[in-house]
């Protein structure tokens, strides 16, 4: 198996089951370089977002009018424009419609860590399909990543340590012992 960055990220996640790990931390753990902190600002500024949303509302009205008139050509044109605007808004916004920051170190780390982990899982799946399927279902990637196995699993990582994936129930769910 080639030495892939994604395997190093997986090892970090497997060593800390059920614990979120920042993608930036995974990047830093891999190369020991200082982590960047600046970005180039939002992908779209507030005014641009307002303009996009206003145009979407106009397009919705125009689509309704075209549907009432039976104007399929105008419906198709407006639907294509609406779809393009929505795709651009998806690219420019994150969870909850918040503006995504251009050049954000956290976003770059999210993209790169997700890509390298998914590549490593595909490589593992080509050699060990059951392991690949398990990791595909259990690894959560994003700005924060985690290993969330469905059952209890014991791993021995390359650091010669044994890690158990048992989830400890929150105090509110534990049965008090007498």
Foldseek 3Di string as FASTA:
>chain_A
DDDFLLVQLVLVQLQPAPDWDFLQVSVCVSPVDDQDADFDFFPDDPVRVVVLVVVLVVLVVQLVVCVVVVPVVSNVVSVVVNVVSVVVQPVQADPPSHGDTHRGSLQVSLVVNVVRNLVVLVVVCVVPVVSSVQQVVQWDTGSIIHGRGPDWDWDQGPVRDIHINDDDDPPVPDDDDD
